[in-house]
Protein backbone atom coordinates (compact mmCIF):
# COMPACT_ATOMS: atom_id res chain seq x y z
CA MET A 1 -59.30 131.79 -26.11
CA THR A 2 -56.59 131.11 -28.26
CA ARG A 3 -54.41 132.43 -25.30
CA GLU A 4 -55.21 129.26 -23.00
CA ARG A 5 -54.52 126.76 -26.00
CA GLY A 6 -50.96 127.86 -25.81
CA LYS A 7 -50.52 127.49 -22.54
CA THR A 8 -51.91 124.22 -22.95
CA ILE A 9 -49.63 123.11 -25.39
CA CYS A 10 -46.20 124.23 -24.05
CA ALA A 11 -47.35 121.96 -20.64
CA ALA A 12 -48.05 119.12 -22.39
CA LEU A 13 -44.50 120.04 -24.22
CA LEU A 14 -42.59 120.36 -21.50
CA VAL A 15 -43.64 116.77 -19.96
CA ALA A 16 -43.09 115.15 -22.33
CA SER A 17 -39.91 116.50 -22.00
CA ALA A 18 -38.95 116.20 -18.20
CA SER A 19 -40.15 112.09 -18.74
CA ALA A 20 -37.95 111.41 -21.75
CA ALA A 21 -35.36 113.20 -19.40
CA ALA A 22 -35.92 110.61 -17.27
CA ALA A 23 -36.37 107.23 -18.93
CA CYS A 24 -33.06 108.28 -20.24
CA GLY A 25 -31.33 108.18 -17.26
CA ARG A 26 -32.65 104.86 -16.52
CA ALA A 27 -31.27 103.52 -19.18
CA ALA A 28 -27.99 104.84 -18.21
CA ALA A 29 -28.76 103.75 -15.18
CA GLY A 30 -28.79 100.10 -16.42
CA ASN A 31 -26.33 99.57 -18.99
CA ALA A 32 -23.72 101.19 -16.86
CA LYS A 33 -24.89 98.71 -13.71
CA ASP A 34 -24.77 95.85 -16.42
CA SER A 35 -20.71 96.88 -17.68
CA GLY A 36 -19.96 96.62 -14.30
CA ASP A 37 -21.46 93.31 -13.69
CA ARG A 38 -19.30 91.76 -17.32
CA ALA A 39 -16.51 93.01 -15.40
CA SER A 40 -16.06 91.60 -11.71
CA THR A 41 -16.55 88.08 -13.26
CA VAL A 42 -13.33 88.43 -16.43
CA PRO A 43 -10.96 86.33 -13.82
CA ALA A 44 -7.61 88.01 -13.15
CA ALA A 45 -3.90 87.55 -15.32
CA ALA A 46 -2.08 85.13 -14.06
CA VAL A 47 1.69 85.81 -13.01
CA SER A 48 4.35 84.49 -15.30
CA VAL A 49 7.33 83.15 -11.99
CA ALA A 50 9.67 80.60 -12.62
CA ALA A 51 10.13 77.78 -9.81
CA THR A 52 12.80 76.34 -7.96
CA ALA A 53 12.95 73.23 -5.62
CA ALA A 54 14.49 73.61 -2.12
CA VAL A 55 17.23 71.88 -1.73
CA GLU A 56 18.97 69.99 0.93
CA ARG A 57 22.60 68.95 2.18
CA PRO A 58 25.91 69.92 3.91
CA ILE A 59 26.92 72.89 4.42
CA ALA A 60 29.82 74.83 7.29
CA ARG A 61 28.25 76.07 10.35
CA TYR A 62 29.69 79.22 12.34
CA ILE A 63 29.23 80.73 16.02
CA ARG A 64 29.08 83.65 15.21
CA VAL A 65 30.88 86.13 18.35
CA THR A 66 32.32 88.64 19.15
CA GLY A 67 35.53 90.85 20.17
CA THR A 68 38.14 93.30 20.38
CA LEU A 69 41.51 93.28 18.94
CA THR A 70 44.91 93.50 20.67
CA ALA A 71 49.15 94.19 19.64
CA GLU A 72 50.46 90.82 20.03
CA GLN A 73 52.80 92.15 22.04
CA GLN A 74 52.86 95.33 23.43
CA ALA A 75 55.66 96.39 26.61
CA ASP A 76 55.65 99.79 28.62
CA VAL A 77 59.76 100.91 28.45
CA ALA A 78 61.24 102.13 31.79
CA ALA A 79 64.32 103.20 32.84
CA GLU A 80 66.77 101.70 34.27
CA THR A 81 68.88 104.28 36.10
CA THR A 82 68.85 108.01 36.54
CA GLY A 83 69.96 110.76 34.35
CA ARG A 84 68.54 113.81 31.59
CA VAL A 85 67.91 113.18 28.72
CA VAL A 86 69.92 113.63 25.56
CA ALA A 87 68.47 112.07 22.49
CA THR A 88 65.20 111.05 21.78
CA PRO A 89 65.70 109.36 17.93
CA VAL A 90 61.88 107.94 17.54
CA GLU A 91 58.39 109.35 17.15
CA ARG A 92 54.99 108.23 17.76
CA GLY A 93 54.48 105.39 15.05
CA THR A 94 58.63 104.99 14.78
CA ARG A 95 59.00 101.28 13.57
CA VAL A 96 61.90 99.44 15.59
CA ALA A 97 64.00 97.22 15.39
CA GLN A 98 64.70 95.00 18.43
CA GLY A 99 67.64 96.70 20.18
CA ALA A 100 67.03 99.80 18.60
CA GLU A 101 67.51 103.03 20.57
CA LEU A 102 64.10 104.76 21.77
CA VAL A 103 66.07 106.93 24.21
CA ARG A 104 68.80 108.23 25.35
CA LEU A 105 70.70 109.79 29.05
CA SER A 106 74.02 110.88 30.33
CA SER A 107 76.14 108.90 30.78
CA THR A 108 79.38 111.43 32.42
CA GLU A 109 78.47 109.58 35.60
CA THR A 110 78.94 106.62 34.82
CA ASP A 111 81.67 106.46 32.60
CA ALA A 112 83.37 107.37 35.77
CA GLN A 113 81.71 105.50 38.13
CA LEU A 114 82.93 102.52 34.77
CA LYS A 115 86.62 103.93 34.92
CA GLU A 116 87.24 102.89 38.78
CA ALA A 117 85.65 100.57 38.77
CA GLU A 118 87.71 98.99 36.86
CA ALA A 119 90.78 100.91 38.22
CA ASN A 120 89.98 99.42 41.27
CA ALA A 121 89.60 95.53 40.05
CA ALA A 122 92.89 96.07 38.20
CA GLN A 123 94.59 97.45 41.15
CA ILE A 124 94.04 94.36 42.46
CA GLU A 125 94.63 92.13 40.16
CA ALA A 126 98.52 93.12 39.69
CA ARG A 127 98.41 92.99 43.26
CA LEU A 128 98.08 89.02 43.02
CA GLY A 129 99.85 89.24 39.74
CA LEU A 130 96.63 88.27 37.57
CA GLY A 131 97.18 90.81 35.00
CA GLU A 132 95.26 89.00 32.04
CA ARG A 133 95.58 85.36 33.43
CA ALA A 134 92.96 82.93 32.65
CA GLY A 135 92.79 79.92 34.52
CA ALA A 136 91.46 78.95 38.05
CA PHE A 137 93.16 81.08 40.59
CA ASP A 138 96.88 79.65 42.25
CA PHE A 139 97.53 81.08 45.81
CA ASN A 140 101.26 79.81 45.08
CA SER A 141 101.54 82.49 42.49
CA VAL A 142 100.66 85.64 44.33
CA PRO A 143 104.06 87.16 45.37
CA GLU A 144 104.19 87.57 48.62
CA VAL A 145 103.15 83.52 49.08
CA GLN A 146 105.59 82.82 47.04
CA ASN A 147 108.56 84.69 49.35
CA ALA A 148 106.83 83.54 52.67
CA ARG A 149 106.66 80.15 50.76
CA ALA A 150 110.60 79.89 50.15
CA SER A 151 111.65 81.10 53.41
CA TYR A 152 109.62 78.78 55.25
CA GLU A 153 111.06 75.89 52.94
CA LEU A 154 115.04 77.56 54.09
CA ALA A 155 113.46 77.34 57.76
CA GLN A 156 112.83 74.20 57.34
CA SER A 157 115.95 72.87 55.27
CA GLU A 158 117.82 74.38 58.20
CA PHE A 159 116.15 73.24 60.69
CA ASN A 160 115.91 69.23 59.59
CA ARG A 161 120.15 69.52 58.79
CA ILE A 162 119.76 71.15 62.68
CA ARG A 163 118.48 68.33 63.98
CA SER A 164 120.34 66.21 62.14
CA LEU A 165 123.36 67.70 63.66
CA LEU A 166 122.22 67.32 67.66
CA ASP A 167 121.39 63.78 66.76
CA GLN A 168 126.15 63.92 66.45
CA ARG A 169 126.06 65.91 69.08
CA VAL A 170 127.66 69.31 67.02
CA VAL A 171 125.61 71.46 67.96
CA SER A 172 123.19 72.25 71.16
CA GLN A 173 119.63 72.15 72.07
CA SER A 174 119.46 76.02 73.16
CA GLU A 175 120.21 76.12 68.79
CA TYR A 176 118.11 73.52 68.20
CA ASP A 177 115.01 75.11 69.91
CA GLN A 178 116.01 78.06 67.71
CA ARG A 179 115.72 76.83 64.23
CA ARG A 180 112.35 74.85 65.70
CA THR A 181 110.89 78.70 65.92
CA GLN A 182 112.73 80.17 62.42
CA MET A 183 110.68 77.09 60.96
CA GLU A 184 107.37 77.51 63.00
CA ALA A 185 107.87 81.19 62.81
CA ALA A 186 108.45 81.06 58.67
CA ARG A 187 105.52 78.50 58.31
CA GLN A 188 102.72 80.93 59.97
CA GLN A 189 103.73 83.52 57.47
CA TYR A 190 103.75 81.32 54.57
CA GLU A 191 99.37 80.49 55.79
CA ALA A 192 99.50 83.72 57.00
CA ALA A 193 100.20 85.27 53.20
CA LYS A 194 97.93 81.94 52.05
CA ASN A 195 95.23 84.01 53.96
CA ALA A 196 95.40 87.73 53.03
CA ALA A 197 95.32 86.40 48.92
CA ALA A 198 92.52 84.51 49.12
CA GLN A 199 91.03 87.52 51.08
CA GLN A 200 92.40 89.53 48.26
CA TYR A 201 90.44 87.27 45.87
CA GLN A 202 88.03 87.51 47.61
CA ALA A 203 87.98 91.86 47.41
CA LEU A 204 89.18 91.36 43.82
CA GLN A 205 85.65 88.82 42.41
CA ALA A 206 83.72 91.63 44.20
CA ALA A 207 85.98 94.79 42.13
CA ARG A 208 84.92 92.73 39.25
CA ALA A 209 80.84 92.49 40.25
CA ARG A 210 81.21 95.91 40.55
CA VAL A 211 82.67 96.30 37.21
CA THR A 212 79.91 94.94 35.77
CA LEU A 213 77.14 97.06 37.15
CA ALA A 214 78.59 99.84 36.54
CA ARG A 215 79.15 98.19 33.00
CA LYS A 216 75.31 98.01 32.98
CA ALA A 217 74.25 100.93 34.66
CA LEU A 218 76.33 102.81 31.31
CA ALA A 219 74.30 100.60 29.21
CA ASP A 220 71.16 101.30 30.73
CA THR A 221 71.85 104.89 29.77
CA VAL A 222 70.29 103.63 26.38
CA VAL A 223 66.99 102.42 26.47
CA ARG A 224 66.58 99.47 23.24
CA ALA A 225 63.29 98.34 22.17
CA PRO A 226 62.86 95.05 24.06
CA PHE A 227 61.51 93.65 20.43
CA ALA A 228 60.84 94.56 16.54
CA GLY A 229 57.67 96.83 16.91
CA ILE A 230 56.09 100.02 16.68
CA VAL A 231 56.05 103.65 18.50
CA GLU A 232 53.31 104.14 20.23
CA GLU A 233 54.01 106.74 22.67
CA ARG A 234 56.89 108.47 23.42
CA LEU A 235 56.31 109.84 26.92
CA VAL A 236 59.62 112.50 27.77
CA SER A 237 61.31 114.85 25.61
CA LEU A 238 65.03 115.95 25.30
CA GLY A 239 65.38 117.57 28.22
CA ASP A 240 63.30 115.14 31.42
CA TYR A 241 65.29 114.34 34.01
CA VAL A 242 64.10 110.21 34.90
CA ASN A 243 64.62 108.23 38.11
CA LYS A 244 65.45 104.18 37.31
CA GLY A 245 61.01 103.06 36.30
CA THR A 246 60.25 106.10 35.04
CA LYS A 247 58.22 104.83 32.05
CA VAL A 248 59.54 106.71 28.13
CA ALA A 249 57.61 105.19 25.06
CA VAL A 250 55.19 102.30 24.27
CA VAL A 251 56.28 99.58 21.58
CA VAL A 252 53.74 97.60 20.48
CA ARG A 253 53.89 94.61 17.61
CA VAL A 254 51.05 94.23 15.29
CA ASN A 255 51.69 92.00 13.25
CA PRO A 256 50.16 89.42 14.61
CA LEU A 257 47.24 90.85 16.65
CA ARG A 258 45.90 89.21 18.63
CA ALA A 259 41.29 88.76 18.30
CA GLN A 260 40.03 88.30 22.32
CA LEU A 261 36.70 86.41 21.70
CA THR A 262 33.79 86.33 23.99
CA VAL A 263 32.33 82.62 23.43
CA PRO A 264 28.34 82.15 24.87
CA GLU A 265 28.24 79.51 26.73
CA GLN A 266 26.53 77.28 24.96
CA PHE A 267 28.78 77.25 22.00
CA VAL A 268 31.68 76.14 23.87
CA ALA A 269 32.36 73.18 22.55
CA ALA A 270 32.15 73.47 19.43
CA VAL A 271 35.36 76.02 19.18
CA GLY A 272 39.16 73.89 19.99
CA VAL A 273 42.21 74.93 19.28
CA GLY A 274 43.25 74.94 15.43
CA GLN A 275 40.07 76.62 14.07
CA PRO A 276 39.81 79.03 11.96
CA ILE A 277 37.65 82.49 12.06
CA THR A 278 37.09 85.10 9.96
CA PHE A 279 35.85 88.38 11.04
CA GLU A 280 35.06 92.06 10.10
CA VAL A 281 36.03 95.51 11.25
CA ASP A 282 33.56 99.06 10.89
CA ALA A 283 36.90 100.51 9.38
CA TYR A 284 37.12 98.27 6.32
CA SER A 285 33.41 97.34 5.85
CA GLY A 286 32.62 94.67 3.29
CA ARG A 287 36.13 93.11 3.80
CA ALA A 288 36.53 89.69 5.31
CA PHE A 289 39.88 88.99 8.06
CA GLU A 290 41.53 85.37 9.04
CA GLY A 291 42.20 84.32 11.23
CA THR A 292 43.08 80.74 13.78
CA ILE A 293 42.37 79.97 17.19
CA ARG A 294 45.54 79.47 19.31
CA TYR A 295 44.41 80.19 23.01
CA ILE A 296 40.98 79.10 24.85
CA SER A 297 40.95 80.13 28.15
CA PRO A 298 40.25 76.95 30.39
CA ALA A 299 37.63 78.38 32.57
CA LEU A 300 34.00 80.55 31.55
CA HIS A 301 33.33 84.15 33.10
CA ALA A 302 31.06 83.68 36.14
CA ASP A 303 29.26 87.35 35.47
CA ARG A 304 28.65 86.90 31.72
CA ARG A 305 29.42 82.58 31.69
CA ALA A 306 31.00 83.24 28.61
CA LEU A 307 34.65 81.95 27.06
CA THR A 308 37.51 83.76 26.11
CA VAL A 309 39.35 82.70 23.09
CA GLU A 310 42.14 84.12 21.04
CA ALA A 311 43.36 84.06 17.93
CA ILE A 312 46.31 85.13 15.41
CA VAL A 313 45.59 87.31 13.27
CA PRO A 314 48.59 88.14 10.13
CA ASN A 315 48.61 91.74 9.75
CA ALA A 316 51.10 91.40 7.74
CA SER A 317 50.10 95.08 5.87
CA ASN A 318 49.55 96.94 9.44
CA GLU A 319 45.71 97.47 8.07
CA LEU A 320 44.21 95.90 11.20
CA LYS A 321 44.65 98.36 14.89
CA PRO A 322 44.36 97.25 18.05
CA GLY A 323 41.10 97.89 19.65
CA LEU A 324 39.40 97.80 17.04
CA PHE A 325 35.76 96.29 17.70
CA ALA A 326 35.37 92.52 14.90
CA THR A 327 32.63 90.39 14.31
CA ALA A 328 33.57 87.07 13.87
CA ARG A 329 32.56 83.69 13.26
CA VAL A 330 34.28 80.83 13.99
CA GLN A 331 33.70 77.13 11.78
CA GLN A 332 32.82 74.27 14.19
CA PRO A 333 34.46 70.95 13.11
CA LYS A 334 32.15 68.82 10.73
CA PRO A 335 28.73 70.55 8.03
CA THR A 336 25.54 69.88 9.13
CA PRO A 337 22.31 69.63 6.75
CA ALA A 338 20.53 72.29 5.77
CA VAL A 339 17.43 72.84 3.62
CA LEU A 340 18.92 75.80 1.16
CA VAL A 341 16.96 78.00 -1.81
CA PRO A 342 18.45 80.64 -3.95
CA ALA A 343 17.77 83.95 -2.58
CA SER A 344 16.00 85.62 -4.99
CA ALA A 345 12.95 83.48 -3.74
CA VAL A 346 12.97 85.23 0.06
CA GLN A 347 10.44 88.39 0.81
CA THR A 348 10.97 90.09 3.47
CA THR A 349 8.95 92.75 4.70
CA SER A 350 7.91 94.90 7.47
CA GLY A 351 10.02 91.79 9.43
CA THR A 352 8.53 88.75 7.95
CA THR A 353 10.34 86.42 5.84
CA ARG A 354 8.41 85.22 3.70
CA VAL A 355 8.96 82.35 0.91
CA PHE A 356 6.16 81.66 -2.61
CA VAL A 357 5.06 77.62 -2.84
CA VAL A 358 4.47 76.76 -6.07
CA SER A 359 1.15 73.97 -5.52
CA GLY A 360 -1.02 73.54 -8.75
CA GLY A 361 -1.81 76.79 -10.80
CA HIS A 362 -1.75 78.69 -7.30
CA VAL A 363 0.74 80.00 -4.75
CA GLU A 364 0.16 79.20 -1.13
CA GLU A 365 2.88 81.94 1.13
CA ARG A 366 4.92 80.26 3.55
CA VAL A 367 6.16 82.66 6.70
CA VAL A 368 9.88 81.45 7.27
CA THR A 369 13.00 81.92 10.07
CA THR A 370 15.75 82.20 7.48
CA GLY A 371 19.94 81.42 8.76
CA GLN A 372 23.19 81.30 7.23
CA THR A 373 24.16 82.14 3.72
CA VAL A 374 26.17 80.30 1.44
CA ASP A 375 27.42 81.84 -1.81
CA ASP A 376 23.33 82.93 -4.08
CA LEU A 377 21.70 80.76 -2.04
CA VAL A 378 19.67 80.98 1.53
CA GLU A 379 19.02 78.07 4.70
CA ILE A 380 15.14 77.99 5.57
CA ALA A 381 15.25 77.09 8.80
CA SER A 382 11.00 76.70 9.52
CA GLY A 383 8.36 76.50 6.73
CA LEU A 384 9.80 75.22 4.12
CA LYS A 385 11.00 71.36 3.78
CA ALA A 386 13.50 69.87 0.95
CA GLY A 387 12.10 69.29 -2.18
CA GLU A 388 8.87 71.83 -2.54
CA ARG A 389 8.85 74.16 -5.62
CA VAL A 390 9.23 78.39 -4.47
CA ALA A 391 8.81 80.93 -7.08
CA THR A 392 11.66 82.73 -7.29
CA THR A 393 11.03 85.93 -10.24
CA ASN A 394 8.61 88.20 -9.58
CA VAL A 395 8.46 87.52 -6.07
CA GLY A 396 6.74 91.20 -5.51
CA LYS A 397 3.71 90.75 -6.68
CA LEU A 398 3.18 87.39 -5.75
CA ALA A 399 0.25 86.90 -3.26
CA ASP A 400 -1.15 83.29 -0.60
CA GLY A 401 -2.89 81.91 -3.71
CA ILE A 402 -2.64 83.84 -6.93
CA ARG A 403 -2.64 82.24 -10.07
CA ILE A 404 0.58 82.17 -12.20
CA GLN A 405 2.15 80.92 -15.08
CA MET A 406 5.60 79.10 -15.52
């Protein structure tokens, strides 16, 4: 009897413990739900921002174009005579003045040809009695002509004397005829002497021309720089034999340089001679160089529908090199209005650009299109009007409709 009573008491105690545990669980769950409901009703904290109004003002407009830098002048210098190379005083990269020696050829043969030509010319000059005398050529100064003229004048004087004696019947008719024939022969010799002198003078002109050619051939044994610049390449070496027309060196002038730019068809009316440009090259990242448009092609390239524009670029330090790719901006003649906001107000994520417009105590997200950058301001091409206020601080914490305080 006592054992059964004990079992009953134990069972009652277990049931009471289970009921108490269940009641505690329900109370805890109820408390947690109440806490969650109270938390959901607490408003989020406002984000502190600063705001600035978008302004509208004229800005300089630029056309973005690309092109290539080229040398202001480039010459493939060739030999103008044949010969063997005996000296090469320049190397690749050597700075040369106009007329500086690039390559020297053997001058033995050309020097001998010059001496022969000068000797032939001097021989004819001596025959004509010219020597170093300058001025127009006078046939009567030639010794042969002078002798023939003297003989003719003497024969003419004798004939005139005989003719007067014939009138007086002192001489016979045959003697008169003889003197007339002698005078005529002397005249013919005089004319022949003048013709011979004229031929010799023309031969002298030819001889002098050969002297000029021989002197040029001798001078051509030294190949010289056509202008001041830098030797880009030397193509012959000591001992090479070159023919007339063989390219021996390449000389370039790199100050200034030319920037050959390609302008799309829609911007043709916006470029003109004298406009300034700024450009960048990959070799000097972040640096801006300047130039001025000097030449505009008269026609577009039909295959590309683009215009070629050439600008002159100062390059006193020779930092820029021909062949560099350039990304340029061509300033348009007149400024045009633009809506500008601080760069800190613009946020770009995954290719989408947005600003947050302040409206009362909240912000409104606007997707915008940007244009040019002017100092620390960014042009808003679309999506925003002048006068609207945009958040400029804590932009990364903002979202559409979020509450703000200023």
